[in-house]
PDB file of N, CA and C in Angstrom:
ATOM      1  N   MET A   1     -41.735  21.151 -22.009  1.00  0.00           N
ATOM      2  CA  MET A   1     -40.622  20.538 -22.691  1.00  0.00           C
ATOM      3  C   MET A   1     -40.629  21.007 -24.142  1.00  0.00           C
ATOM      4  N   THR A   2     -39.437  21.298 -24.649  1.00  0.00           N
ATOM      5  CA  THR A   2     -39.353  21.759 -26.028  1.00  0.00           C
ATOM      6  C   THR A   2     -38.783  20.660 -26.908  1.00  0.00           C
ATOM      7  N   ALA A   3     -39.156  20.714 -28.130  1.00  0.00           N
ATOM      8  CA  ALA A   3     -38.661  19.723 -29.089  1.00  0.00           C
ATOM      9  C   ALA A   3     -37.541  20.354 -29.904  1.00  0.00           C
ATOM     10  N   SER A   4     -36.546  19.566 -30.244  1.00  0.00           N
ATOM     11  CA  SER A   4     -35.463  20.085 -31.072  1.00  0.00           C
ATOM     12  C   SER A   4     -35.760  19.792 -32.537  1.00  0.00           C
ATOM     13  N   LEU A   5     -35.223  20.618 -33.368  1.00  0.00           N
ATOM     14  CA  LEU A   5     -35.414  20.489 -34.805  1.00  0.00           C
ATOM     15  C   LEU A   5     -34.370  19.528 -35.361  1.00  0.00           C
ATOM     16  N   VAL A   6     -34.781  18.576 -36.155  1.00  0.00           N
ATOM     17  CA  VAL A   6     -33.869  17.623 -36.772  1.00  0.00           C
ATOM     18  C   VAL A   6     -33.705  18.003 -38.238  1.00  0.00           C
ATOM     19  N   LEU A   7     -32.456  18.224 -38.633  1.00  0.00           N
ATOM     20  CA  LEU A   7     -32.191  18.568 -40.029  1.00  0.00           C
ATOM     21  C   LEU A   7     -32.144  17.300 -40.870  1.00  0.00           C
ATOM     22  N   THR A   8     -32.839  17.322 -41.975  1.00  0.00           N
ATOM     23  CA  THR A   8     -32.788  16.176 -42.882  1.00  0.00           C
ATOM     24  C   THR A   8     -31.649  16.325 -43.888  1.00  0.00           C
ATOM     25  N   SER A   9     -31.171  17.560 -44.072  1.00  0.00           N
ATOM     26  CA  SER A   9     -30.021  17.800 -44.946  1.00  0.00           C
ATOM     27  C   SER A   9     -29.331  19.078 -44.480  1.00  0.00           C
ATOM     28  N   LEU A  10     -28.074  19.220 -44.870  1.00  0.00           N
ATOM     29  CA  LEU A  10     -27.336  20.420 -44.508  1.00  0.00           C
ATOM     30  C   LEU A  10     -27.780  21.586 -45.377  1.00  0.00           C
ATOM     31  N   PRO A  11     -27.700  22.809 -44.848  1.00  0.00           N
ATOM     32  CA  PRO A  11     -27.978  23.969 -45.692  1.00  0.00           C
ATOM     33  C   PRO A  11     -27.023  23.990 -46.882  1.00  0.00           C
ATOM     34  N   ARG A  12     -27.429  24.614 -47.955  1.00  0.00           N
ATOM     35  CA  ARG A  12     -26.647  24.589 -49.188  1.00  0.00           C
ATOM     36  C   ARG A  12     -25.233  25.132 -49.008  1.00  0.00           C
ATOM     37  N   ASP A  13     -25.067  26.219 -48.266  1.00  0.00           N
ATOM     38  CA  ASP A  13     -23.740  26.798 -48.059  1.00  0.00           C
ATOM     39  C   ASP A  13     -22.825  25.842 -47.308  1.00  0.00           C
ATOM     40  N   ALA A  14     -23.343  25.165 -46.297  1.00  0.00           N
ATOM     41  CA  ALA A  14     -22.534  24.219 -45.523  1.00  0.00           C
ATOM     42  C   ALA A  14     -22.124  23.035 -46.386  1.00  0.00           C
ATOM     43  N   THR A  15     -23.025  22.560 -47.208  1.00  0.00           N
ATOM     44  CA  THR A  15     -22.716  21.438 -48.091  1.00  0.00           C
ATOM     45  C   THR A  15     -21.606  21.816 -49.070  1.00  0.00           C
ATOM     46  N   ALA A  16     -21.681  23.018 -49.629  1.00  0.00           N
ATOM     47  CA  ALA A  16     -20.653  23.475 -50.568  1.00  0.00           C
ATOM     48  C   ALA A  16     -19.306  23.624 -49.869  1.00  0.00           C
ATOM     49  N   ALA A  17     -19.316  24.169 -48.666  1.00  0.00           N
ATOM     50  CA  ALA A  17     -18.065  24.358 -47.924  1.00  0.00           C
ATOM     51  C   ALA A  17     -17.427  23.019 -47.579  1.00  0.00           C
ATOM     52  N   LEU A  18     -18.223  22.071 -47.139  1.00  0.00           N
ATOM     53  CA  LEU A  18     -17.689  20.764 -46.771  1.00  0.00           C
ATOM     54  C   LEU A  18     -17.166  19.993 -47.976  1.00  0.00           C
ATOM     55  N   SER A  19     -17.765  20.209 -49.135  1.00  0.00           N
ATOM     56  CA  SER A  19     -17.295  19.494 -50.323  1.00  0.00           C
ATOM     57  C   SER A  19     -15.946  20.026 -50.798  1.00  0.00           C
ATOM     58  N   GLU A  20     -15.635  21.295 -50.482  1.00  0.00           N
ATOM     59  CA  GLU A  20     -14.370  21.888 -50.898  1.00  0.00           C
ATOM     60  C   GLU A  20     -13.232  21.601 -49.929  1.00  0.00           C
ATOM     61  N   VAL A  21     -13.547  21.252 -48.691  1.00  0.00           N
ATOM     62  CA  VAL A  21     -12.511  21.026 -47.682  1.00  0.00           C
ATOM     63  C   VAL A  21     -11.677  19.817 -48.055  1.00  0.00           C
ATOM     64  N   GLY A  22     -10.379  19.982 -48.022  1.00  0.00           N
ATOM     65  CA  GLY A  22      -9.467  18.873 -48.260  1.00  0.00           C
ATOM     66  C   GLY A  22      -9.247  18.508 -49.713  1.00  0.00           C
ATOM     67  N   THR A  23      -9.903  19.209 -50.645  1.00  0.00           N
ATOM     68  CA  THR A  23      -9.711  18.852 -52.043  1.00  0.00           C
ATOM     69  C   THR A  23      -8.416  19.436 -52.592  1.00  0.00           C
ATOM     70  N   THR A  24      -8.164  20.708 -52.310  1.00  0.00           N
ATOM     71  CA  THR A  24      -6.931  21.336 -52.775  1.00  0.00           C
ATOM     72  C   THR A  24      -6.356  22.198 -51.656  1.00  0.00           C
ATOM     73  N   PHE A  25      -5.046  22.336 -51.666  1.00  0.00           N
ATOM     74  CA  PHE A  25      -4.381  23.182 -50.694  1.00  0.00           C
ATOM     75  C   PHE A  25      -3.651  24.280 -51.442  1.00  0.00           C
ATOM     76  N   THR A  26      -3.625  25.469 -50.859  1.00  0.00           N
ATOM     77  CA  THR A  26      -2.951  26.594 -51.500  1.00  0.00           C
ATOM     78  C   THR A  26      -1.439  26.433 -51.461  1.00  0.00           C
ATOM     79  N   GLN A  27      -0.945  25.624 -50.524  1.00  0.00           N
ATOM     80  CA  GLN A  27       0.488  25.381 -50.414  1.00  0.00           C
ATOM     81  C   GLN A  27       0.747  23.883 -50.380  1.00  0.00           C
ATOM     82  N   ASP A  28       1.837  23.464 -51.021  1.00  0.00           N
ATOM     83  CA  ASP A  28       2.205  22.048 -50.991  1.00  0.00           C
ATOM     84  C   ASP A  28       2.739  21.648 -49.626  1.00  0.00           C
ATOM     85  N   LYS A  29       3.442  22.586 -48.982  1.00  0.00           N
ATOM     86  CA  LYS A  29       4.032  22.316 -47.669  1.00  0.00           C
ATOM     87  C   LYS A  29       3.665  23.445 -46.725  1.00  0.00           C
ATOM     88  N   VAL A  30       3.570  23.121 -45.440  1.00  0.00           N
ATOM     89  CA  VAL A  30       3.254  24.118 -44.421  1.00  0.00           C
ATOM     90  C   VAL A  30       4.344  24.093 -43.351  1.00  0.00           C
ATOM     91  N   ILE A  31       4.476  25.207 -42.653  1.00  0.00           N
ATOM     92  CA  ILE A  31       5.462  25.299 -41.577  1.00  0.00           C
ATOM     93  C   ILE A  31       4.780  24.963 -40.261  1.00  0.00           C
ATOM     94  N   VAL A  32       5.371  24.020 -39.542  1.00  0.00           N
ATOM     95  CA  VAL A  32       4.883  23.633 -38.217  1.00  0.00           C
ATOM     96  C   VAL A  32       5.936  24.080 -37.214  1.00  0.00           C
ATOM     97  N   ARG A  33       5.500  24.834 -36.207  1.00  0.00           N
ATOM     98  CA  ARG A  33       6.416  25.305 -35.166  1.00  0.00           C
ATOM     99  C   ARG A  33       6.140  24.529 -33.888  1.00  0.00           C
ATOM    100  N   PHE A  34       7.170  23.921 -33.342  1.00  0.00           N
ATOM    101  CA  PHE A  34       7.041  23.106 -32.137  1.00  0.00           C
ATOM    102  C   PHE A  34       7.449  23.910 -30.910  1.00  0.00           C
ATOM    103  N   LYS A  35       6.608  23.822 -29.861  1.00  0.00           N
ATOM    104  CA  LYS A  35       6.886  24.519 -28.604  1.00  0.00           C
ATOM    105  C   LYS A  35       6.784  23.526 -27.454  1.00  0.00           C
ATOM    106  N   PRO A  36       7.823  23.434 -26.623  1.00  0.00           N
ATOM    107  CA  PRO A  36       7.741  22.526 -25.475  1.00  0.00           C
ATOM    108  C   PRO A  36       6.782  23.070 -24.420  1.00  0.00           C
ATOM    109  N   VAL A  37       6.073  22.168 -23.765  1.00  0.00           N
ATOM    110  CA  VAL A  37       5.142  22.534 -22.694  1.00  0.00           C
ATOM    111  C   VAL A  37       5.607  21.827 -21.429  1.00  0.00           C
ATOM    112  N   GLY A  38       5.631  22.559 -20.325  1.00  0.00           N
ATOM    113  CA  GLY A  38       6.028  21.955 -19.055  1.00  0.00           C
ATOM    114  C   GLY A  38       7.488  21.542 -19.062  1.00  0.00           C
ATOM    115  N   SER A  39       7.753  20.316 -18.655  1.00  0.00           N
ATOM    116  CA  SER A  39       9.137  19.838 -18.542  1.00  0.00           C
ATOM    117  C   SER A  39       9.620  19.102 -19.795  1.00  0.00           C
ATOM    118  N   ALA A  40       8.927  19.264 -20.900  1.00  0.00           N
ATOM    119  CA  ALA A  40       9.347  18.609 -22.150  1.00  0.00           C
ATOM    120  C   ALA A  40      10.685  19.186 -22.609  1.00  0.00           C
ATOM    121  N   PRO A  41      11.555  18.353 -23.149  1.00  0.00           N
ATOM    122  CA  PRO A  41      12.858  18.860 -23.602  1.00  0.00           C
ATOM    123  C   PRO A  41      12.694  19.778 -24.815  1.00  0.00           C
ATOM    124  N   PRO A  42      13.417  20.893 -24.832  1.00  0.00           N
ATOM    125  CA  PRO A  42      13.316  21.798 -25.988  1.00  0.00           C
ATOM    126  C   PRO A  42      14.044  21.221 -27.204  1.00  0.00           C
ATOM    127  N   LEU A  43      13.574  21.586 -28.356  1.00  0.00           N
ATOM    128  CA  LEU A  43      14.241  21.194 -29.601  1.00  0.00           C
ATOM    129  C   LEU A  43      15.376  22.171 -29.891  1.00  0.00           C
ATOM    130  N   PRO A  44      16.394  21.738 -30.613  1.00  0.00           N
ATOM    131  CA  PRO A  44      17.418  22.694 -31.060  1.00  0.00           C
ATOM    132  C   PRO A  44      16.753  23.773 -31.922  1.00  0.00           C
ATOM    133  N   ALA A  45      17.304  24.972 -31.918  1.00  0.00           N
ATOM    134  CA  ALA A  45      16.697  26.106 -32.635  1.00  0.00           C
ATOM    135  C   ALA A  45      16.431  25.791 -34.104  1.00  0.00           C
ATOM    136  N   ARG A  46      17.311  25.046 -34.747  1.00  0.00           N
ATOM    137  CA  ARG A  46      17.119  24.755 -36.174  1.00  0.00           C
ATOM    138  C   ARG A  46      16.000  23.745 -36.419  1.00  0.00           C
ATOM    139  N   ARG A  47      15.579  23.029 -35.392  1.00  0.00           N
ATOM    140  CA  ARG A  47      14.503  22.033 -35.526  1.00  0.00           C
ATOM    141  C   ARG A  47      13.171  22.544 -34.987  1.00  0.00           C
ATOM    142  N   GLU A  48      13.168  23.762 -34.452  1.00  0.00           N
ATOM    143  CA  GLU A  48      11.953  24.320 -33.860  1.00  0.00           C
ATOM    144  C   GLU A  48      10.847  24.492 -34.902  1.00  0.00           C
ATOM    145  N   ARG A  49      11.239  24.794 -36.126  1.00  0.00           N
ATOM    146  CA  ARG A  49      10.287  24.932 -37.233  1.00  0.00           C
ATOM    147  C   ARG A  49      10.607  23.880 -38.276  1.00  0.00           C
ATOM    148  N   SER A  50       9.564  23.212 -38.750  1.00  0.00           N
ATOM    149  CA  SER A  50       9.751  22.182 -39.770  1.00  0.00           C
ATOM    150  C   SER A  50       8.724  22.365 -40.868  1.00  0.00           C
ATOM    151  N   THR A  51       9.106  22.008 -42.070  1.00  0.00           N
ATOM    152  CA  THR A  51       8.203  22.060 -43.216  1.00  0.00           C
ATOM    153  C   THR A  51       7.666  20.653 -43.452  1.00  0.00           C
ATOM    154  N   ILE A  52       6.337  20.553 -43.489  1.00  0.00           N
ATOM    155  CA  ILE A  52       5.676  19.256 -43.631  1.00  0.00           C
ATOM    156  C   ILE A  52       4.656  19.343 -44.763  1.00  0.00           C
ATOM    157  N   SER A  53       4.497  18.273 -45.495  1.00  0.00           N
ATOM    158  CA  SER A  53       3.550  18.223 -46.611  1.00  0.00           C
ATOM    159  C   SER A  53       2.128  18.488 -46.127  1.00  0.00           C
ATOM    160  N   SER A  54       1.382  19.283 -46.890  1.00  0.00           N
ATOM    161  CA  SER A  54      -0.008  19.607 -46.536  1.00  0.00           C
ATOM    162  C   SER A  54      -0.905  18.384 -46.528  1.00  0.00           C
ATOM    163  N   THR A  55      -0.558  17.403 -47.342  1.00  0.00           N
ATOM    164  CA  THR A  55      -1.419  16.228 -47.455  1.00  0.00           C
ATOM    165  C   THR A  55      -1.085  15.143 -46.430  1.00  0.00           C
ATOM    166  N   SER A  56      -0.033  15.358 -45.649  1.00  0.00           N
ATOM    167  CA  SER A  56       0.332  14.374 -44.619  1.00  0.00           C
ATOM    168  C   SER A  56      -0.701  14.357 -43.505  1.00  0.00           C
ATOM    169  N   LYS A  57      -0.792  13.230 -42.856  1.00  0.00           N
ATOM    170  CA  LYS A  57      -1.671  13.124 -41.693  1.00  0.00           C
ATOM    171  C   LYS A  57      -0.892  13.551 -40.453  1.00  0.00           C
ATOM    172  N   PHE A  58      -1.629  13.889 -39.402  1.00  0.00           N
ATOM    173  CA  PHE A  58      -0.994  14.378 -38.178  1.00  0.00           C
ATOM    174  C   PHE A  58      -0.082  13.325 -37.562  1.00  0.00           C
ATOM    175  N   GLU A  59      -0.324  12.058 -37.863  1.00  0.00           N
ATOM    176  CA  GLU A  59       0.552  10.998 -37.344  1.00  0.00           C
ATOM    177  C   GLU A  59       1.982  11.169 -37.851  1.00  0.00           C
ATOM    178  N   ALA A  60       2.163  11.777 -39.026  1.00  0.00           N
ATOM    179  CA  ALA A  60       3.508  12.042 -39.546  1.00  0.00           C
ATOM    180  C   ALA A  60       4.212  13.098 -38.697  1.00  0.00           C
ATOM    181  N   VAL A  61       3.458  14.060 -38.190  1.00  0.00           N
ATOM    182  CA  VAL A  61       4.016  15.080 -37.300  1.00  0.00           C
ATOM    183  C   VAL A  61       4.476  14.425 -36.000  1.00  0.00           C
ATOM    184  N   VAL A  62       3.648  13.535 -35.463  1.00  0.00           N
ATOM    185  CA  VAL A  62       3.993  12.826 -34.227  1.00  0.00           C
ATOM    186  C   VAL A  62       5.245  11.976 -34.442  1.00  0.00           C
ATOM    187  N   ALA A  63       5.302  11.255 -35.549  1.00  0.00           N
ATOM    188  CA  ALA A  63       6.461  10.399 -35.842  1.00  0.00           C
ATOM    189  C   ALA A  63       7.733  11.233 -35.992  1.00  0.00           C
ATOM    190  N   TYR A  64       7.629  12.369 -36.676  1.00  0.00           N
ATOM    191  CA  TYR A  64       8.785  13.256 -36.844  1.00  0.00           C
ATOM    192  C   TYR A  64       9.292  13.746 -35.489  1.00  0.00           C
ATOM    193  N   LEU A  65       8.370  14.183 -34.639  1.00  0.00           N
ATOM    194  CA  LEU A  65       8.770  14.705 -33.332  1.00  0.00           C
ATOM    195  C   LEU A  65       9.357  13.604 -32.452  1.00  0.00           C
ATOM    196  N   ARG A  66       8.803  12.407 -32.530  1.00  0.00           N
ATOM    197  CA  ARG A  66       9.360  11.267 -31.773  1.00  0.00           C
ATOM    198  C   ARG A  66      10.810  10.994 -32.195  1.00  0.00           C
ATOM    199  N   ARG A  67      11.061  11.005 -33.500  1.00  0.00           N
ATOM    200  CA  ARG A  67      12.427  10.778 -34.000  1.00  0.00           C
ATOM    201  C   ARG A  67      13.371  11.891 -33.552  1.00  0.00           C
ATOM    202  N   THR A  68      12.908  13.136 -33.667  1.00  0.00           N
ATOM    203  CA  THR A  68      13.741  14.283 -33.332  1.00  0.00           C
ATOM    204  C   THR A  68      14.087  14.318 -31.844  1.00  0.00           C
ATOM    205  N   LEU A  69      13.103  14.004 -30.996  1.00  0.00           N
ATOM    206  CA  LEU A  69      13.329  14.007 -29.545  1.00  0.00           C
ATOM    207  C   LEU A  69      13.940  12.702 -29.042  1.00  0.00           C
ATOM    208  N   LYS A  70      14.023  11.712 -29.933  1.00  0.00           N
ATOM    209  CA  LYS A  70      14.516  10.373 -29.564  1.00  0.00           C
ATOM    210  C   LYS A  70      13.669   9.761 -28.447  1.00  0.00           C
ATOM    211  N   VAL A  71      12.354   9.847 -28.629  1.00  0.00           N
ATOM    212  CA  VAL A  71      11.398   9.282 -27.677  1.00  0.00           C
ATOM    213  C   VAL A  71      11.066   7.862 -28.113  1.00  0.00           C
ATOM    214  N   ARG A  72      11.129   6.924 -27.194  1.00  0.00           N
ATOM    215  CA  ARG A  72      10.804   5.531 -27.510  1.00  0.00           C
ATOM    216  C   ARG A  72       9.303   5.393 -27.774  1.00  0.00           C
ATOM    217  N   GLU A  73       8.949   4.356 -28.499  1.00  0.00           N
ATOM    218  CA  GLU A  73       7.539   4.085 -28.811  1.00  0.00           C
ATOM    219  C   GLU A  73       6.714   3.839 -27.551  1.00  0.00           C
ATOM    220  N   THR A  74       7.347   3.362 -26.496  1.00  0.00           N
ATOM    221  CA  THR A  74       6.621   3.059 -25.258  1.00  0.00           C
ATOM    222  C   THR A  74       6.453   4.280 -24.365  1.00  0.00           C
ATOM    223  N   ASP A  75       7.163   5.375 -24.662  1.00  0.00           N
ATOM    224  CA  ASP A  75       7.042   6.598 -23.868  1.00  0.00           C
ATOM    225  C   ASP A  75       5.909   7.465 -24.403  1.00  0.00           C
ATOM    226  N   SER A  76       5.293   8.209 -23.506  1.00  0.00           N
ATOM    227  CA  SER A  76       4.176   9.076 -23.886  1.00  0.00           C
ATOM    228  C   SER A  76       4.680  10.372 -24.514  1.00  0.00           C
ATOM    229  N   LEU A  77       3.943  10.851 -25.491  1.00  0.00           N
ATOM    230  CA  LEU A  77       4.191  12.149 -26.102  1.00  0.00           C
ATOM    231  C   LEU A  77       2.832  12.725 -26.478  1.00  0.00           C
ATOM    232  N   PHE A  78       2.523  13.901 -25.960  1.00  0.00           N
ATOM    233  CA  PHE A  78       1.229  14.532 -26.191  1.00  0.00           C
ATOM    234  C   PHE A  78       1.442  15.789 -27.021  1.00  0.00           C
ATOM    235  N   LEU A  79       0.658  15.943 -28.091  1.00  0.00           N
ATOM    236  CA  LEU A  79       0.760  17.106 -28.964  1.00  0.00           C
ATOM    237  C   LEU A  79      -0.554  17.868 -28.959  1.00  0.00           C
ATOM    238  N   TYR A  80      -0.445  19.196 -28.954  1.00  0.00           N
ATOM    239  CA  TYR A  80      -1.612  20.071 -28.912  1.00  0.00           C
ATOM    240  C   TYR A  80      -1.451  21.175 -29.949  1.00  0.00           C
ATOM    241  N   VAL A  81      -2.518  21.479 -30.660  1.00  0.00           N
ATOM    242  CA  VAL A  81      -2.509  22.586 -31.608  1.00  0.00           C
ATOM    243  C   VAL A  81      -2.936  23.840 -30.861  1.00  0.00           C
ATOM    244  N   ASN A  82      -2.112  24.880 -30.945  1.00  0.00           N
ATOM    245  CA  ASN A  82      -2.363  26.162 -30.272  1.00  0.00           C
ATOM    246  C   ASN A  82      -2.623  26.009 -28.777  1.00  0.00           C
ATOM    247  N   SER A  83      -2.028  25.021 -28.157  1.00  0.00           N
ATOM    248  CA  SER A  83      -2.200  24.754 -26.720  1.00  0.00           C
ATOM    249  C   SER A  83      -3.672  24.619 -26.347  1.00  0.00           C
ATOM    250  N   THR A  84      -4.463  24.102 -27.269  1.00  0.00           N
ATOM    251  CA  THR A  84      -5.901  24.022 -27.060  1.00  0.00           C
ATOM    252  C   THR A  84      -6.446  22.610 -27.147  1.00  0.00           C
ATOM    253  N   PHE A  85      -6.122  21.885 -28.199  1.00  0.00           N
ATOM    254  CA  PHE A  85      -6.699  20.555 -28.392  1.00  0.00           C
ATOM    255  C   PHE A  85      -5.689  19.618 -29.038  1.00  0.00           C
ATOM    256  N   ALA A  86      -5.913  18.341 -28.835  1.00  0.00           N
ATOM    257  CA  ALA A  86      -5.072  17.307 -29.442  1.00  0.00           C
ATOM    258  C   ALA A  86      -5.811  16.753 -30.655  1.00  0.00           C
ATOM    259  N   PRO A  87      -5.319  17.017 -31.861  1.00  0.00           N
ATOM    260  CA  PRO A  87      -6.011  16.517 -33.052  1.00  0.00           C
ATOM    261  C   PRO A  87      -5.890  15.003 -33.187  1.00  0.00           C
ATOM    262  N   ALA A  88      -6.806  14.428 -33.928  1.00  0.00           N
ATOM    263  CA  ALA A  88      -6.760  12.991 -34.213  1.00  0.00           C
ATOM    264  C   ALA A  88      -5.559  12.707 -35.111  1.00  0.00           C
ATOM    265  N   LEU A  89      -5.025  11.508 -35.003  1.00  0.00           N
ATOM    266  CA  LEU A  89      -3.849  11.142 -35.796  1.00  0.00           C
ATOM    267  C   LEU A  89      -4.134  11.112 -37.295  1.00  0.00           C
ATOM    268  N   ASP A  90      -5.389  10.914 -37.684  1.00  0.00           N
ATOM    269  CA  ASP A  90      -5.716  10.866 -39.111  1.00  0.00           C
ATOM    270  C   ASP A  90      -6.141  12.226 -39.669  1.00  0.00           C
ATOM    271  N   GLU A  91      -6.037  13.275 -38.875  1.00  0.00           N
ATOM    272  CA  GLU A  91      -6.360  14.629 -39.340  1.00  0.00           C
ATOM    273  C   GLU A  91      -5.296  15.071 -40.343  1.00  0.00           C
ATOM    274  N   VAL A  92      -5.709  15.737 -41.410  1.00  0.00           N
ATOM    275  CA  VAL A  92      -4.784  16.192 -42.452  1.00  0.00           C
ATOM    276  C   VAL A  92      -4.121  17.502 -42.003  1.00  0.00           C
ATOM    277  N   VAL A  93      -2.804  17.556 -42.112  1.00  0.00           N
ATOM    278  CA  VAL A  93      -2.040  18.714 -41.637  1.00  0.00           C
ATOM    279  C   VAL A  93      -2.475  19.993 -42.355  1.00  0.00           C
ATOM    280  N   GLY A  94      -2.745  19.904 -43.651  1.00  0.00           N
ATOM    281  CA  GLY A  94      -3.185  21.078 -44.409  1.00  0.00           C
ATOM    282  C   GLY A  94      -4.484  21.659 -43.885  1.00  0.00           C
ATOM    283  N   ASN A  95      -5.417  20.809 -43.473  1.00  0.00           N
ATOM    284  CA  ASN A  95      -6.676  21.295 -42.903  1.00  0.00           C
ATOM    285  C   ASN A  95      -6.436  21.974 -41.560  1.00  0.00           C
ATOM    286  N   LEU A  96      -5.576  21.391 -40.729  1.00  0.00           N
ATOM    287  CA  LEU A  96      -5.251  22.009 -39.442  1.00  0.00           C
ATOM    288  C   LEU A  96      -4.592  23.366 -39.666  1.00  0.00           C
ATOM    289  N   TRP A  97      -3.664  23.425 -40.617  1.00  0.00           N
ATOM    290  CA  TRP A  97      -2.974  24.676 -40.916  1.00  0.00           C
ATOM    291  C   TRP A  97      -3.960  25.734 -41.406  1.00  0.00           C
ATOM    292  N   ARG A  98      -4.848  25.333 -42.293  1.00  0.00           N
ATOM    293  CA  ARG A  98      -5.813  26.277 -42.858  1.00  0.00           C
ATOM    294  C   ARG A  98      -6.722  26.865 -41.775  1.00  0.00           C
ATOM    295  N   CYS A  99      -7.103  26.048 -40.808  1.00  0.00           N
ATOM    296  CA  CYS A  99      -8.034  26.495 -39.766  1.00  0.00           C
ATOM    297  C   CYS A  99      -7.354  27.156 -38.567  1.00  0.00           C
ATOM    298  N   PHE A 100      -6.117  26.775 -38.248  1.00  0.00           N
ATOM    299  CA  PHE A 100      -5.511  27.204 -36.988  1.00  0.00           C
ATOM    300  C   PHE A 100      -4.145  27.867 -37.127  1.00  0.00           C
ATOM    301  N   LYS A 101      -3.753  28.276 -38.325  1.00  0.00           N
ATOM    302  CA  LYS A 101      -2.448  28.929 -38.498  1.00  0.00           C
ATOM    303  C   LYS A 101      -2.436  30.281 -37.784  1.00  0.00           C
ATOM    304  N   ASP A 102      -1.230  30.730 -37.419  1.00  0.00           N
ATOM    305  CA  ASP A 102      -1.105  32.023 -36.757  1.00  0.00           C
ATOM    306  C   ASP A 102      -0.858  33.120 -37.793  1.00  0.00           C
ATOM    307  N   SER A 103      -0.563  34.328 -37.332  1.00  0.00           N
ATOM    308  CA  SER A 103      -0.371  35.459 -38.245  1.00  0.00           C
ATOM    309  C   SER A 103       0.892  35.317 -39.097  1.00  0.00           C
ATOM    310  N   ASN A 104       1.785  34.409 -38.714  1.00  0.00           N
ATOM    311  CA  ASN A 104       2.994  34.136 -39.499  1.00  0.00           C
ATOM    312  C   ASN A 104       2.821  32.936 -40.423  1.00  0.00           C
ATOM    313  N   ASP A 105       1.599  32.488 -40.602  1.00  0.00           N
ATOM    314  CA  ASP A 105       1.279  31.318 -41.434  1.00  0.00           C
ATOM    315  C   ASP A 105       1.982  30.053 -40.954  1.00  0.00           C
ATOM    316  N   GLN A 106       2.052  29.880 -39.640  1.00  0.00           N
ATOM    317  CA  GLN A 106       2.650  28.687 -39.050  1.00  0.00           C
ATOM    318  C   GLN A 106       1.611  27.984 -38.191  1.00  0.00           C
ATOM    319  N   LEU A 107       1.675  26.674 -38.177  1.00  0.00           N
ATOM    320  CA  LEU A 107       0.825  25.876 -37.296  1.00  0.00           C
ATOM    321  C   LEU A 107       1.616  25.627 -36.022  1.00  0.00           C
ATOM    322  N   ASN A 108       1.132  26.149 -34.894  1.00  0.00           N
ATOM    323  CA  ASN A 108       1.825  26.001 -33.617  1.00  0.00           C
ATOM    324  C   ASN A 108       1.399  24.711 -32.937  1.00  0.00           C
ATOM    325  N   VAL A 109       2.378  23.853 -32.678  1.00  0.00           N
ATOM    326  CA  VAL A 109       2.120  22.568 -32.033  1.00  0.00           C
ATOM    327  C   VAL A 109       2.934  22.508 -30.743  1.00  0.00           C
ATOM    328  N   GLY A 110       2.226  22.462 -29.612  1.00  0.00           N
ATOM    329  CA  GLY A 110       2.884  22.291 -28.330  1.00  0.00           C
ATOM    330  C   GLY A 110       3.022  20.807 -28.041  1.00  0.00           C
ATOM    331  N   TYR A 111       4.099  20.428 -27.372  1.00  0.00           N
ATOM    332  CA  TYR A 111       4.297  19.016 -27.050  1.00  0.00           C
ATOM    333  C   TYR A 111       4.722  18.876 -25.595  1.00  0.00           C
ATOM    334  N   SER A 112       4.320  17.752 -25.011  1.00  0.00           N
ATOM    335  CA  SER A 112       4.599  17.484 -23.609  1.00  0.00           C
ATOM    336  C   SER A 112       4.773  15.986 -23.408  1.00  0.00           C
ATOM    337  N   MET A 113       5.506  15.636 -22.381  1.00  0.00           N
ATOM    338  CA  MET A 113       5.700  14.220 -22.055  1.00  0.00           C
ATOM    339  C   MET A 113       4.588  13.706 -21.140  1.00  0.00           C
ATOM    340  N   THR A 114       3.830  14.617 -20.547  1.00  0.00           N
ATOM    341  CA  THR A 114       2.689  14.272 -19.696  1.00  0.00           C
ATOM    342  C   THR A 114       1.484  15.063 -20.180  1.00  0.00           C
ATOM    343  N   PRO A 115       0.257  14.629 -19.884  1.00  0.00           N
ATOM    344  CA  PRO A 115      -0.914  15.399 -20.307  1.00  0.00           C
ATOM    345  C   PRO A 115      -0.843  16.824 -19.759  1.00  0.00           C
ATOM    346  N   ALA A 116      -1.034  17.802 -20.628  1.00  0.00           N
ATOM    347  CA  ALA A 116      -0.883  19.193 -20.215  1.00  0.00           C
ATOM    348  C   ALA A 116      -2.203  19.957 -20.200  1.00  0.00           C
ATOM    349  N   PHE A 117      -3.120  19.607 -21.056  1.00  0.00           N
ATOM    350  CA  PHE A 117      -4.379  20.338 -21.162  1.00  0.00           C
ATOM    351  C   PHE A 117      -5.529  19.344 -21.172  1.00  0.00           C
ATOM    352  N   GLY A 118      -6.655  19.779 -20.623  1.00  0.00           N
ATOM    353  CA  GLY A 118      -7.894  19.022 -20.642  1.00  0.00           C
ATOM    354  C   GLY A 118      -7.752  17.619 -20.300  1.00  0.00           C
TER     355      GLY A 118
END
């Protein structure tokens, strides 16, 4: 049986990187591109891309999409970044954009009315 190593503190580089995350954003607003998944209704072309504040939480993205699609609060709506994972509602949009933006500097958010991934 092998023993695992327990870190008593983070390495210096990791500590510095974590202290800088979320402090400042290079852009005040980021572009979020919405893509329907499965049988989800498509958005009108002019609403497919939206500009959202970098400091907003992901719950603001969900609320915006609910209003745009006219989805009731009791209906399900699932959002995924890059068709990979569903971020927490308290995740900051600027951090998601910084880590997962595409080559066009857009954050791709897929949406579905039923669970689509994982």
